[in-house]
Amino acid sequence: MSRPLVPGLVAEGEADEGFLGIVISRQLRELTWMSPHAVDVEATEVVSCDREHMVTALEELAADCHLLFTHDDIRERGKTGGKTDGVRYHSHYLVPVIGLGETEAWLLADRGVWAGLEGSDLSLLPARPRDVERITDPAGILAMTVPRRGKPIRDYFEYIGRNIDLAVLAQVPAYADWVAETRNALKGLGYL
């Protein structure tokens, strides 16, 4: 008998929904593959909201999910006076909440996935995955990387999420930190 694992994501934009929702489920499947239990990782439940409605979104997801993910980007760190790393628990449900940090550049980490899209411009992508964290305008680089076929950038998010090499993505320090925090949360929940 398998044990379900339902992740939840509080999304801030189209990249979150189309890219992160998929990557979260894929990474959870990788992490639970060696679990002593059969784990059935379900699709990420996504709620889009602005910062003002964050608590409501977390409450909504906490009722149905085992693990929640939110952003902890630089703008928010400046408001709180410091970095807020680590797993936090939300509400009376005691659902672990893990901050993702700046994720927009994660889309640019795997040159190979972009090379698979005919017409992509790889010239502005860094040579090493870890260097995506140095990109000051990831949205601008992304707009210049996508193939010019008259499609909006958001049309590529799902493709990248499904095809990005998780081992390449793990070379990005912030992603590796997120995976480590997620692994610890899964241990705390008894999945690992």
N, C-alpha and C. Protein backbone atom coordinates (compact mmCIF):
# COMPACT_ATOMS: atom_id res chain seq x y z
N MET A 1 0.85 -1.18 0.00
CA MET A 1 0.00 0.00 0.00
C MET A 1 0.89 1.24 0.00
N SER A 2 0.60 2.18 -0.88
CA SER A 2 1.43 3.38 -0.98
C SER A 2 0.90 4.50 -0.10
N ARG A 3 1.81 5.34 0.29
CA ARG A 3 1.49 6.48 1.13
C ARG A 3 1.47 7.72 0.24
N PRO A 4 0.38 8.49 0.25
CA PRO A 4 0.32 9.68 -0.62
C PRO A 4 1.18 10.82 -0.07
N LEU A 5 1.70 11.63 -0.99
CA LEU A 5 2.43 12.85 -0.65
C LEU A 5 1.94 13.93 -1.59
N VAL A 6 1.24 14.89 -1.02
CA VAL A 6 0.67 15.98 -1.81
C VAL A 6 1.41 17.27 -1.49
N PRO A 7 2.18 17.80 -2.45
CA PRO A 7 2.85 19.08 -2.23
C PRO A 7 1.93 20.24 -2.60
N GLY A 8 2.14 21.37 -1.97
CA GLY A 8 1.40 22.59 -2.29
C GLY A 8 2.37 23.73 -2.57
N LEU A 9 1.98 24.60 -3.46
CA LEU A 9 2.82 25.74 -3.83
C LEU A 9 2.00 27.01 -3.84
N VAL A 10 2.48 28.03 -3.12
CA VAL A 10 1.88 29.35 -3.22
C VAL A 10 2.64 30.05 -4.34
N ALA A 11 1.96 30.24 -5.46
CA ALA A 11 2.59 30.78 -6.68
C ALA A 11 2.46 32.29 -6.72
N GLU A 12 3.52 32.91 -7.25
CA GLU A 12 3.53 34.36 -7.42
C GLU A 12 3.43 34.77 -8.87
N GLY A 13 3.49 33.82 -9.78
CA GLY A 13 3.43 34.18 -11.19
C GLY A 13 3.34 32.96 -12.08
N GLU A 14 3.33 33.21 -13.38
CA GLU A 14 3.17 32.13 -14.36
C GLU A 14 4.31 31.13 -14.33
N ALA A 15 5.54 31.60 -14.05
CA ALA A 15 6.68 30.69 -14.01
C ALA A 15 6.52 29.70 -12.86
N ASP A 16 5.97 30.17 -11.75
CA ASP A 16 5.74 29.27 -10.62
C ASP A 16 4.80 28.15 -11.00
N GLU A 17 3.69 28.50 -11.58
CA GLU A 17 2.68 27.50 -11.92
C GLU A 17 3.18 26.51 -12.96
N GLY A 18 3.75 27.01 -14.05
CA GLY A 18 4.13 26.15 -15.16
C GLY A 18 5.45 25.44 -14.97
N PHE A 19 6.37 26.01 -14.23
CA PHE A 19 7.70 25.42 -14.05
C PHE A 19 7.84 24.78 -12.67
N LEU A 20 7.70 25.58 -11.62
CA LEU A 20 7.95 25.08 -10.28
C LEU A 20 7.00 23.98 -9.84
N GLY A 21 5.74 24.10 -10.19
CA GLY A 21 4.78 23.05 -9.82
C GLY A 21 5.22 21.69 -10.32
N ILE A 22 5.75 21.65 -11.52
CA ILE A 22 6.21 20.40 -12.12
C ILE A 22 7.53 19.96 -11.50
N VAL A 23 8.47 20.88 -11.34
CA VAL A 23 9.79 20.54 -10.78
C VAL A 23 9.65 20.04 -9.34
N ILE A 24 8.78 20.64 -8.56
CA ILE A 24 8.58 20.20 -7.18
C ILE A 24 8.15 18.73 -7.15
N SER A 25 7.15 18.38 -7.94
CA SER A 25 6.69 16.98 -7.96
C SER A 25 7.78 16.04 -8.45
N ARG A 26 8.51 16.44 -9.48
CA ARG A 26 9.60 15.60 -10.00
C ARG A 26 10.68 15.39 -8.94
N GLN A 27 11.07 16.47 -8.26
CA GLN A 27 12.13 16.35 -7.25
C GLN A 27 11.66 15.50 -6.07
N LEU A 28 10.41 15.64 -5.68
CA LEU A 28 9.89 14.82 -4.58
C LEU A 28 9.89 13.34 -4.95
N ARG A 29 9.58 13.04 -6.21
CA ARG A 29 9.64 11.64 -6.65
C ARG A 29 11.07 11.11 -6.56
N GLU A 30 12.05 11.94 -6.94
CA GLU A 30 13.45 11.55 -6.84
C GLU A 30 13.85 11.31 -5.38
N LEU A 31 13.44 12.22 -4.50
CA LEU A 31 13.81 12.10 -3.09
C LEU A 31 13.17 10.89 -2.42
N THR A 32 11.94 10.56 -2.80
CA THR A 32 11.23 9.46 -2.14
C THR A 32 11.45 8.12 -2.82
N TRP A 33 12.20 8.10 -3.89
CA TRP A 33 12.44 6.86 -4.61
C TRP A 33 13.08 5.81 -3.71
N MET A 34 13.97 6.22 -2.84
CA MET A 34 14.67 5.28 -1.94
C MET A 34 13.97 5.16 -0.58
N SER A 35 12.77 5.66 -0.46
CA SER A 35 12.03 5.57 0.80
C SER A 35 11.75 4.11 1.16
N PRO A 36 11.75 3.79 2.45
CA PRO A 36 11.38 2.43 2.85
C PRO A 36 9.89 2.15 2.62
N HIS A 37 9.14 3.19 2.31
CA HIS A 37 7.70 3.07 2.04
C HIS A 37 7.44 3.34 0.56
N ALA A 38 6.37 2.78 0.05
CA ALA A 38 5.94 3.15 -1.30
C ALA A 38 5.26 4.52 -1.18
N VAL A 39 5.79 5.52 -1.86
CA VAL A 39 5.26 6.88 -1.77
C VAL A 39 4.67 7.27 -3.12
N ASP A 40 3.44 7.74 -3.09
CA ASP A 40 2.75 8.19 -4.29
C ASP A 40 2.74 9.72 -4.29
N VAL A 41 3.71 10.31 -4.99
CA VAL A 41 3.80 11.77 -5.07
C VAL A 41 2.76 12.25 -6.08
N GLU A 42 1.85 13.05 -5.60
CA GLU A 42 0.80 13.58 -6.47
C GLU A 42 1.24 14.90 -7.08
N ALA A 43 0.45 15.38 -8.03
CA ALA A 43 0.74 16.66 -8.67
C ALA A 43 0.69 17.77 -7.62
N THR A 44 1.52 18.77 -7.82
CA THR A 44 1.57 19.90 -6.90
C THR A 44 0.29 20.71 -7.00
N GLU A 45 -0.34 20.94 -5.86
CA GLU A 45 -1.51 21.82 -5.82
C GLU A 45 -0.98 23.25 -5.76
N VAL A 46 -1.51 24.10 -6.62
CA VAL A 46 -1.01 25.46 -6.75
C VAL A 46 -2.11 26.47 -6.45
N VAL A 47 -1.77 27.44 -5.63
CA VAL A 47 -2.66 28.58 -5.37
C VAL A 47 -1.87 29.83 -5.71
N SER A 48 -2.40 30.65 -6.61
CA SER A 48 -1.74 31.91 -6.97
C SER A 48 -2.30 33.02 -6.10
N CYS A 49 -1.40 33.82 -5.56
CA CYS A 49 -1.85 34.94 -4.75
C CYS A 49 -0.74 35.97 -4.64
N ASP A 50 -1.11 37.14 -4.13
CA ASP A 50 -0.10 38.16 -3.84
C ASP A 50 0.27 38.04 -2.36
N ARG A 51 1.26 38.79 -1.94
CA ARG A 51 1.76 38.71 -0.56
C ARG A 51 0.68 38.97 0.48
N GLU A 52 -0.27 39.84 0.18
CA GLU A 52 -1.32 40.19 1.13
C GLU A 52 -2.21 39.01 1.49
N HIS A 53 -2.31 38.05 0.59
CA HIS A 53 -3.20 36.91 0.81
C HIS A 53 -2.45 35.61 1.09
N MET A 54 -1.18 35.73 1.48
CA MET A 54 -0.33 34.56 1.70
C MET A 54 -0.88 33.64 2.79
N VAL A 55 -1.28 34.19 3.91
CA VAL A 55 -1.76 33.36 5.02
C VAL A 55 -3.00 32.58 4.60
N THR A 56 -3.91 33.22 3.90
CA THR A 56 -5.11 32.55 3.43
C THR A 56 -4.76 31.42 2.47
N ALA A 57 -3.83 31.68 1.57
CA ALA A 57 -3.40 30.65 0.61
C ALA A 57 -2.75 29.47 1.33
N LEU A 58 -1.91 29.76 2.32
CA LEU A 58 -1.29 28.69 3.09
C LEU A 58 -2.34 27.86 3.83
N GLU A 59 -3.31 28.52 4.43
CA GLU A 59 -4.39 27.80 5.13
C GLU A 59 -5.16 26.89 4.18
N GLU A 60 -5.45 27.42 3.00
CA GLU A 60 -6.19 26.63 2.00
C GLU A 60 -5.40 25.37 1.60
N LEU A 61 -4.11 25.55 1.34
CA LEU A 61 -3.28 24.41 0.94
C LEU A 61 -3.01 23.45 2.10
N ALA A 62 -2.83 23.99 3.30
CA ALA A 62 -2.50 23.15 4.45
C ALA A 62 -3.59 22.13 4.75
N ALA A 63 -4.81 22.43 4.37
CA ALA A 63 -5.90 21.49 4.62
C ALA A 63 -5.78 20.22 3.77
N ASP A 64 -5.09 20.32 2.62
CA ASP A 64 -5.01 19.19 1.69
C ASP A 64 -3.60 18.67 1.42
N CYS A 65 -2.59 19.41 1.83
CA CYS A 65 -1.22 19.08 1.44
C CYS A 65 -0.37 18.65 2.64
N HIS A 66 0.67 17.90 2.35
CA HIS A 66 1.58 17.42 3.38
C HIS A 66 2.81 18.32 3.54
N LEU A 67 3.10 19.11 2.53
CA LEU A 67 4.31 19.91 2.48
C LEU A 67 4.00 21.13 1.61
N LEU A 68 4.37 22.33 2.10
CA LEU A 68 4.07 23.56 1.37
C LEU A 68 5.35 24.28 0.97
N PHE A 69 5.29 24.94 -0.19
CA PHE A 69 6.43 25.70 -0.69
C PHE A 69 5.98 27.12 -1.00
N THR A 70 6.82 28.09 -0.60
CA THR A 70 6.56 29.50 -0.86
C THR A 70 7.86 30.14 -1.32
N HIS A 71 7.77 31.39 -1.72
CA HIS A 71 8.97 32.15 -2.08
C HIS A 71 9.48 32.88 -0.86
N ASP A 72 10.78 33.02 -0.80
CA ASP A 72 11.48 33.80 0.21
C ASP A 72 12.49 34.64 -0.53
N ASP A 73 12.03 35.51 -1.39
CA ASP A 73 12.98 36.22 -2.23
C ASP A 73 13.59 37.42 -1.53
N ILE A 74 14.50 38.08 -2.20
CA ILE A 74 15.27 39.17 -1.61
C ILE A 74 14.38 40.31 -1.12
N ARG A 75 13.32 40.62 -1.87
CA ARG A 75 12.42 41.70 -1.44
C ARG A 75 11.85 41.38 -0.07
N GLU A 76 11.45 40.14 0.14
CA GLU A 76 10.86 39.74 1.41
C GLU A 76 11.91 39.70 2.51
N ARG A 77 13.13 39.27 2.19
CA ARG A 77 14.19 39.23 3.19
C ARG A 77 14.47 40.63 3.72
N GLY A 78 14.45 41.61 2.82
CA GLY A 78 14.68 42.99 3.23
C GLY A 78 13.62 43.48 4.19
N LYS A 79 12.39 43.03 4.03
CA LYS A 79 11.30 43.45 4.91
C LYS A 79 11.42 42.82 6.29
N THR A 80 11.93 41.59 6.36
CA THR A 80 11.99 40.88 7.63
C THR A 80 13.30 41.13 8.36
N GLY A 81 14.23 41.80 7.72
CA GLY A 81 15.48 42.12 8.37
C GLY A 81 16.54 41.04 8.27
N GLY A 82 16.28 40.02 7.52
CA GLY A 82 17.28 38.97 7.38
C GLY A 82 16.73 37.79 6.62
N LYS A 83 17.61 36.90 6.32
CA LYS A 83 17.23 35.70 5.57
C LYS A 83 16.44 34.76 6.48
N THR A 84 15.43 34.15 5.95
CA THR A 84 14.58 33.25 6.74
C THR A 84 14.69 31.84 6.21
N ASP A 85 15.87 31.26 6.33
CA ASP A 85 16.10 29.91 5.84
C ASP A 85 15.44 28.88 6.73
N GLY A 86 15.28 27.71 6.19
CA GLY A 86 14.84 26.57 6.97
C GLY A 86 13.36 26.30 6.87
N VAL A 87 13.01 25.19 7.43
CA VAL A 87 11.62 24.74 7.42
C VAL A 87 10.88 25.44 8.55
N ARG A 88 9.72 25.95 8.23
CA ARG A 88 8.82 26.53 9.22
C ARG A 88 7.53 25.73 9.19
N TYR A 89 6.74 25.83 10.23
CA TYR A 89 5.46 25.13 10.26
C TYR A 89 4.35 26.14 10.23
N HIS A 90 3.28 25.79 9.53
CA HIS A 90 2.18 26.72 9.37
C HIS A 90 0.91 26.17 9.99
N SER A 91 0.25 26.95 10.76
CA SER A 91 -1.10 26.75 11.28
C SER A 91 -1.22 25.54 12.19
N HIS A 92 -2.43 25.29 12.59
CA HIS A 92 -2.72 24.16 13.49
C HIS A 92 -2.55 22.82 12.77
N TYR A 93 -2.39 22.84 11.46
CA TYR A 93 -2.16 21.60 10.72
C TYR A 93 -0.71 21.12 10.85
N LEU A 94 0.19 21.99 11.31
CA LEU A 94 1.62 21.68 11.41
C LEU A 94 2.18 21.13 10.10
N VAL A 95 1.93 21.86 9.04
CA VAL A 95 2.42 21.49 7.72
C VAL A 95 3.74 22.22 7.49
N PRO A 96 4.82 21.49 7.16
CA PRO A 96 6.10 22.17 6.90
C PRO A 96 5.98 23.14 5.73
N VAL A 97 6.56 24.33 5.91
CA VAL A 97 6.59 25.35 4.86
C VAL A 97 8.06 25.61 4.53
N ILE A 98 8.41 25.44 3.27
CA ILE A 98 9.80 25.60 2.84
C ILE A 98 9.90 26.73 1.84
N GLY A 99 10.80 27.67 2.10
CA GLY A 99 11.02 28.79 1.19
C GLY A 99 11.87 28.36 0.00
N LEU A 100 11.46 28.79 -1.18
CA LEU A 100 12.16 28.44 -2.41
C LEU A 100 13.26 29.43 -2.77
N GLY A 101 13.15 30.67 -2.31
CA GLY A 101 14.14 31.68 -2.69
C GLY A 101 13.91 32.19 -4.09
N GLU A 102 14.94 32.77 -4.68
CA GLU A 102 14.88 33.29 -6.05
C GLU A 102 14.92 32.12 -7.01
N THR A 103 13.87 31.90 -7.75
CA THR A 103 13.79 30.71 -8.61
C THR A 103 13.76 31.02 -10.09
N GLU A 104 13.60 32.26 -10.47
CA GLU A 104 13.44 32.60 -11.88
C GLU A 104 14.66 32.15 -12.70
N ALA A 105 15.83 32.25 -12.13
CA ALA A 105 17.05 31.87 -12.85
C ALA A 105 17.18 30.36 -13.02
N TRP A 106 16.46 29.58 -12.20
CA TRP A 106 16.54 28.12 -12.30
C TRP A 106 16.16 27.64 -13.70
N LEU A 107 15.26 28.35 -14.35
CA LEU A 107 14.85 28.00 -15.72
C LEU A 107 16.03 28.00 -16.69
N LEU A 108 17.09 28.74 -16.35
CA LEU A 108 18.23 28.93 -17.26
C LEU A 108 19.41 28.02 -16.95
N ALA A 109 19.30 27.15 -15.97
CA ALA A 109 20.43 26.36 -15.50
C ALA A 109 20.89 25.27 -16.47
N ASP A 110 19.97 24.69 -17.23
CA ASP A 110 20.30 23.54 -18.07
C ASP A 110 20.35 23.95 -19.54
N ARG A 111 21.56 24.18 -20.03
CA ARG A 111 21.74 24.56 -21.44
C ARG A 111 21.18 23.48 -22.36
N GLY A 112 21.31 22.22 -21.95
CA GLY A 112 20.86 21.10 -22.78
C GLY A 112 19.38 21.13 -23.08
N VAL A 113 18.57 21.51 -22.10
CA VAL A 113 17.13 21.54 -22.33
C VAL A 113 16.77 22.65 -23.33
N TRP A 114 17.50 23.76 -23.26
CA TRP A 114 17.27 24.84 -24.22
C TRP A 114 17.78 24.48 -25.60
N ALA A 115 18.89 23.75 -25.65
CA ALA A 115 19.43 23.32 -26.94
C ALA A 115 18.45 22.41 -27.66
N GLY A 116 17.61 21.72 -26.91
CA GLY A 116 16.60 20.84 -27.50
C GLY A 116 15.44 21.59 -28.12
N LEU A 117 15.35 22.88 -27.89
CA LEU A 117 14.31 23.71 -28.48
C LEU A 117 14.90 24.46 -29.67
N GLU A 118 14.57 24.03 -30.86
CA GLU A 118 15.12 24.65 -32.06
C GLU A 118 14.84 26.15 -32.06
N GLY A 119 15.89 26.91 -32.31
CA GLY A 119 15.75 28.36 -32.38
C GLY A 119 16.10 29.07 -31.08
N SER A 120 16.41 28.32 -30.02
CA SER A 120 16.82 28.96 -28.76
C SER A 120 18.18 29.61 -28.92
N ASP A 121 18.36 30.75 -28.27
CA ASP A 121 19.64 31.45 -28.29
C ASP A 121 20.36 31.16 -26.98
N LEU A 122 21.40 30.33 -27.05
CA LEU A 122 22.13 29.91 -25.85
C LEU A 122 23.28 30.85 -25.49
N SER A 123 23.49 31.87 -26.27
CA SER A 123 24.68 32.72 -26.11
C SER A 123 24.73 33.45 -24.76
N LEU A 124 23.61 33.74 -24.15
CA LEU A 124 23.62 34.47 -22.88
C LEU A 124 23.53 33.57 -21.66
N LEU A 125 23.38 32.26 -21.89
CA LEU A 125 23.31 31.33 -20.76
C LEU A 125 24.71 31.10 -20.21
N PRO A 126 24.85 31.04 -18.89
CA PRO A 126 26.17 30.80 -18.32
C PRO A 126 26.66 29.39 -18.64
N ALA A 127 27.96 29.22 -18.66
CA ALA A 127 28.57 27.92 -18.97
C ALA A 127 28.32 26.90 -17.86
N ARG A 128 28.31 27.38 -16.61
CA ARG A 128 28.09 26.48 -15.48
C ARG A 128 26.73 26.76 -14.85
N PRO A 129 25.98 25.72 -14.51
CA PRO A 129 24.65 25.92 -13.91
C PRO A 129 24.66 26.83 -12.69
N ARG A 130 25.67 26.69 -11.86
CA ARG A 130 25.73 27.48 -10.62
C ARG A 130 25.78 28.98 -10.89
N ASP A 131 26.25 29.37 -12.07
CA ASP A 131 26.40 30.78 -12.39
C ASP A 131 25.08 31.48 -12.71
N VAL A 132 23.97 30.74 -12.80
CA VAL A 132 22.69 31.41 -13.04
C VAL A 132 22.33 32.32 -11.88
N GLU A 133 22.89 32.04 -10.70
CA GLU A 133 22.61 32.89 -9.54
C GLU A 133 23.23 34.28 -9.67
N ARG A 134 24.15 34.44 -10.59
CA ARG A 134 24.80 35.74 -10.80
C ARG A 134 24.03 36.61 -11.81
N ILE A 135 23.05 36.04 -12.48
CA ILE A 135 22.29 36.79 -13.48
C ILE A 135 21.41 37.81 -12.76
N THR A 136 21.59 39.07 -13.11
CA THR A 136 20.83 40.13 -12.43
C THR A 136 19.43 40.31 -13.00
N ASP A 137 19.23 39.93 -14.24
CA ASP A 137 17.92 40.06 -14.87
C ASP A 137 17.52 38.74 -15.54
N PRO A 138 17.15 37.72 -14.74
CA PRO A 138 16.82 36.44 -15.34
C PRO A 138 15.64 36.51 -16.31
N ALA A 139 14.68 37.37 -16.04
CA ALA A 139 13.52 37.50 -16.95
C ALA A 139 13.98 38.01 -18.31
N GLY A 140 14.91 38.95 -18.31
CA GLY A 140 15.42 39.48 -19.57
C GLY A 140 16.21 38.44 -20.36
N ILE A 141 17.06 37.68 -19.66
CA ILE A 141 17.84 36.63 -20.32
C ILE A 141 16.90 35.55 -20.85
N LEU A 142 15.89 35.22 -20.08
CA LEU A 142 14.90 34.22 -20.51
C LEU A 142 14.20 34.67 -21.79
N ALA A 143 13.80 35.93 -21.83
CA ALA A 143 13.11 36.47 -23.00
C ALA A 143 14.01 36.41 -24.24
N MET A 144 15.31 36.54 -24.05
CA MET A 144 16.23 36.52 -25.18
C MET A 144 16.65 35.09 -25.56
N THR A 145 16.41 34.14 -24.66
CA THR A 145 16.80 32.74 -24.90
C THR A 145 15.74 31.95 -25.64
N VAL A 146 14.46 32.21 -25.34
CA VAL A 146 13.39 31.40 -25.93
C VAL A 146 13.37 31.55 -27.45
N PRO A 147 12.98 30.48 -28.15
CA PRO A 147 12.87 30.55 -29.61
C PRO A 147 11.88 31.63 -30.03
N ARG A 148 12.15 32.23 -31.14
CA ARG A 148 11.27 33.30 -31.66
C ARG A 148 10.22 32.68 -32.59
N ARG A 149 9.14 32.18 -32.02
CA ARG A 149 8.07 31.60 -32.83
C ARG A 149 6.73 32.26 -32.57
N GLY A 150 6.77 33.43 -32.02
CA GLY A 150 5.53 34.15 -31.76
C GLY A 150 4.79 33.65 -30.52
N LYS A 151 5.40 32.78 -29.75
CA LYS A 151 4.78 32.26 -28.54
C LYS A 151 5.18 33.11 -27.34
N PRO A 152 4.29 33.27 -26.39
CA PRO A 152 4.69 33.96 -25.15
C PRO A 152 5.70 33.09 -24.39
N ILE A 153 6.52 33.72 -23.59
CA ILE A 153 7.54 33.01 -22.82
C ILE A 153 6.90 31.94 -21.94
N ARG A 154 5.75 32.23 -21.35
CA ARG A 154 5.11 31.28 -20.43
C ARG A 154 4.80 29.94 -21.10
N ASP A 155 4.70 29.92 -22.43
CA ASP A 155 4.42 28.67 -23.13
C ASP A 155 5.56 27.67 -23.03
N TYR A 156 6.73 28.11 -22.61
CA TYR A 156 7.89 27.23 -22.48
C TYR A 156 8.10 26.72 -21.05
N PHE A 157 7.43 27.31 -20.08
CA PHE A 157 7.66 26.96 -18.68
C PHE A 157 7.38 25.48 -18.40
N GLU A 158 6.28 24.96 -18.87
CA GLU A 158 5.94 23.57 -18.61
C GLU A 158 6.95 22.63 -19.27
N TYR A 159 7.32 22.93 -20.51
CA TYR A 159 8.31 22.10 -21.21
C TYR A 159 9.62 22.05 -20.44
N ILE A 160 10.10 23.20 -19.99
CA ILE A 160 11.34 23.25 -19.24
C ILE A 160 11.18 22.48 -17.92
N GLY A 161 10.08 22.66 -17.24
CA GLY A 161 9.84 21.95 -15.98
C GLY A 161 9.86 20.44 -16.14
N ARG A 162 9.29 19.95 -17.22
CA ARG A 162 9.22 18.50 -17.46
C ARG A 162 10.56 17.93 -17.94
N ASN A 163 11.38 18.74 -18.58
CA ASN A 163 12.58 18.22 -19.24
C ASN A 163 13.91 18.66 -18.64
N ILE A 164 13.90 19.62 -17.74
CA ILE A 164 15.16 20.07 -17.15
C ILE A 164 15.80 18.90 -16.40
N ASP A 165 17.10 18.79 -16.50
CA ASP A 165 17.84 17.72 -15.83
C ASP A 165 17.99 18.11 -14.36
N LEU A 166 17.38 17.34 -13.46
CA LEU A 166 17.43 17.67 -12.04
C LEU A 166 18.85 17.60 -11.49
N ALA A 167 19.70 16.76 -12.07
CA ALA A 167 21.10 16.70 -11.63
C ALA A 167 21.84 17.99 -12.00
N VAL A 168 21.51 18.55 -13.15
CA VAL A 168 22.11 19.83 -13.55
C VAL A 168 21.56 20.94 -12.65
N LEU A 169 20.27 20.93 -12.40
CA LEU A 169 19.65 21.93 -11.54
C LEU A 169 20.23 21.88 -10.13
N ALA A 170 20.59 20.69 -9.66
CA ALA A 170 21.17 20.53 -8.33
C ALA A 170 22.54 21.18 -8.19
N GLN A 171 23.14 21.58 -9.31
CA GLN A 171 24.42 22.29 -9.26
C GLN A 171 24.25 23.77 -8.93
N VAL A 172 23.01 24.23 -8.92
CA VAL A 172 22.70 25.61 -8.52
C VAL A 172 22.61 25.60 -6.99
N PRO A 173 23.47 26.35 -6.30
CA PRO A 173 23.51 26.28 -4.83
C PRO A 173 22.16 26.49 -4.15
N ALA A 174 21.36 27.45 -4.58
CA ALA A 174 20.07 27.69 -3.94
C ALA A 174 19.13 26.50 -4.14
N TYR A 175 19.20 25.87 -5.30
CA TYR A 175 18.37 24.69 -5.55
C TYR A 175 18.83 23.54 -4.66
N ALA A 176 20.13 23.34 -4.56
CA ALA A 176 20.67 22.28 -3.70
C ALA A 176 20.26 22.51 -2.24
N ASP A 177 20.27 23.76 -1.79
CA ASP A 177 19.83 24.07 -0.42
C ASP A 177 18.36 23.73 -0.25
N TRP A 178 17.54 24.08 -1.25
CA TRP A 178 16.11 23.78 -1.19
C TRP A 178 15.88 22.27 -1.13
N VAL A 179 16.64 21.51 -1.91
CA VAL A 179 16.50 20.05 -1.89
C VAL A 179 16.87 19.50 -0.51
N ALA A 180 17.93 20.02 0.08
CA ALA A 180 18.35 19.57 1.41
C ALA A 180 17.27 19.86 2.46
N GLU A 181 16.69 21.06 2.41
CA GLU A 181 15.62 21.41 3.35
C GLU A 181 14.41 20.53 3.13
N THR A 182 14.10 20.25 1.88
CA THR A 182 12.96 19.40 1.56
C THR A 182 13.21 17.98 2.06
N ARG A 183 14.41 17.47 1.86
CA ARG A 183 14.77 16.14 2.35
C ARG A 183 14.59 16.06 3.87
N ASN A 184 15.04 17.09 4.59
CA ASN A 184 14.89 17.11 6.05
C ASN A 184 13.41 17.14 6.45
N ALA A 185 12.61 17.90 5.73
CA ALA A 185 11.18 17.95 6.03
C ALA A 185 10.54 16.58 5.79
N LEU A 186 10.94 15.91 4.71
CA LEU A 186 10.40 14.58 4.42
C LEU A 186 10.79 13.57 5.49
N LYS A 187 12.01 13.70 6.02
CA LYS A 187 12.43 12.84 7.14
C LYS A 187 11.55 13.10 8.35
N GLY A 188 11.32 14.39 8.63
CA GLY A 188 10.48 14.75 9.77
C GLY A 188 9.06 14.24 9.64
N LEU A 189 8.57 14.12 8.43
CA LEU A 189 7.22 13.62 8.18
C LEU A 189 7.17 12.09 8.10
N GLY A 190 8.33 11.45 8.16
CA GLY A 190 8.38 9.99 8.11
C GLY A 190 8.34 9.39 6.73
N TYR A 191 8.60 10.20 5.70
CA TYR A 191 8.64 9.67 4.34
C TYR A 191 10.01 9.07 4.00
N LEU A 192 11.04 9.53 4.68
CA LEU A 192 12.41 9.03 4.44
C LEU A 192 13.00 8.46 5.71
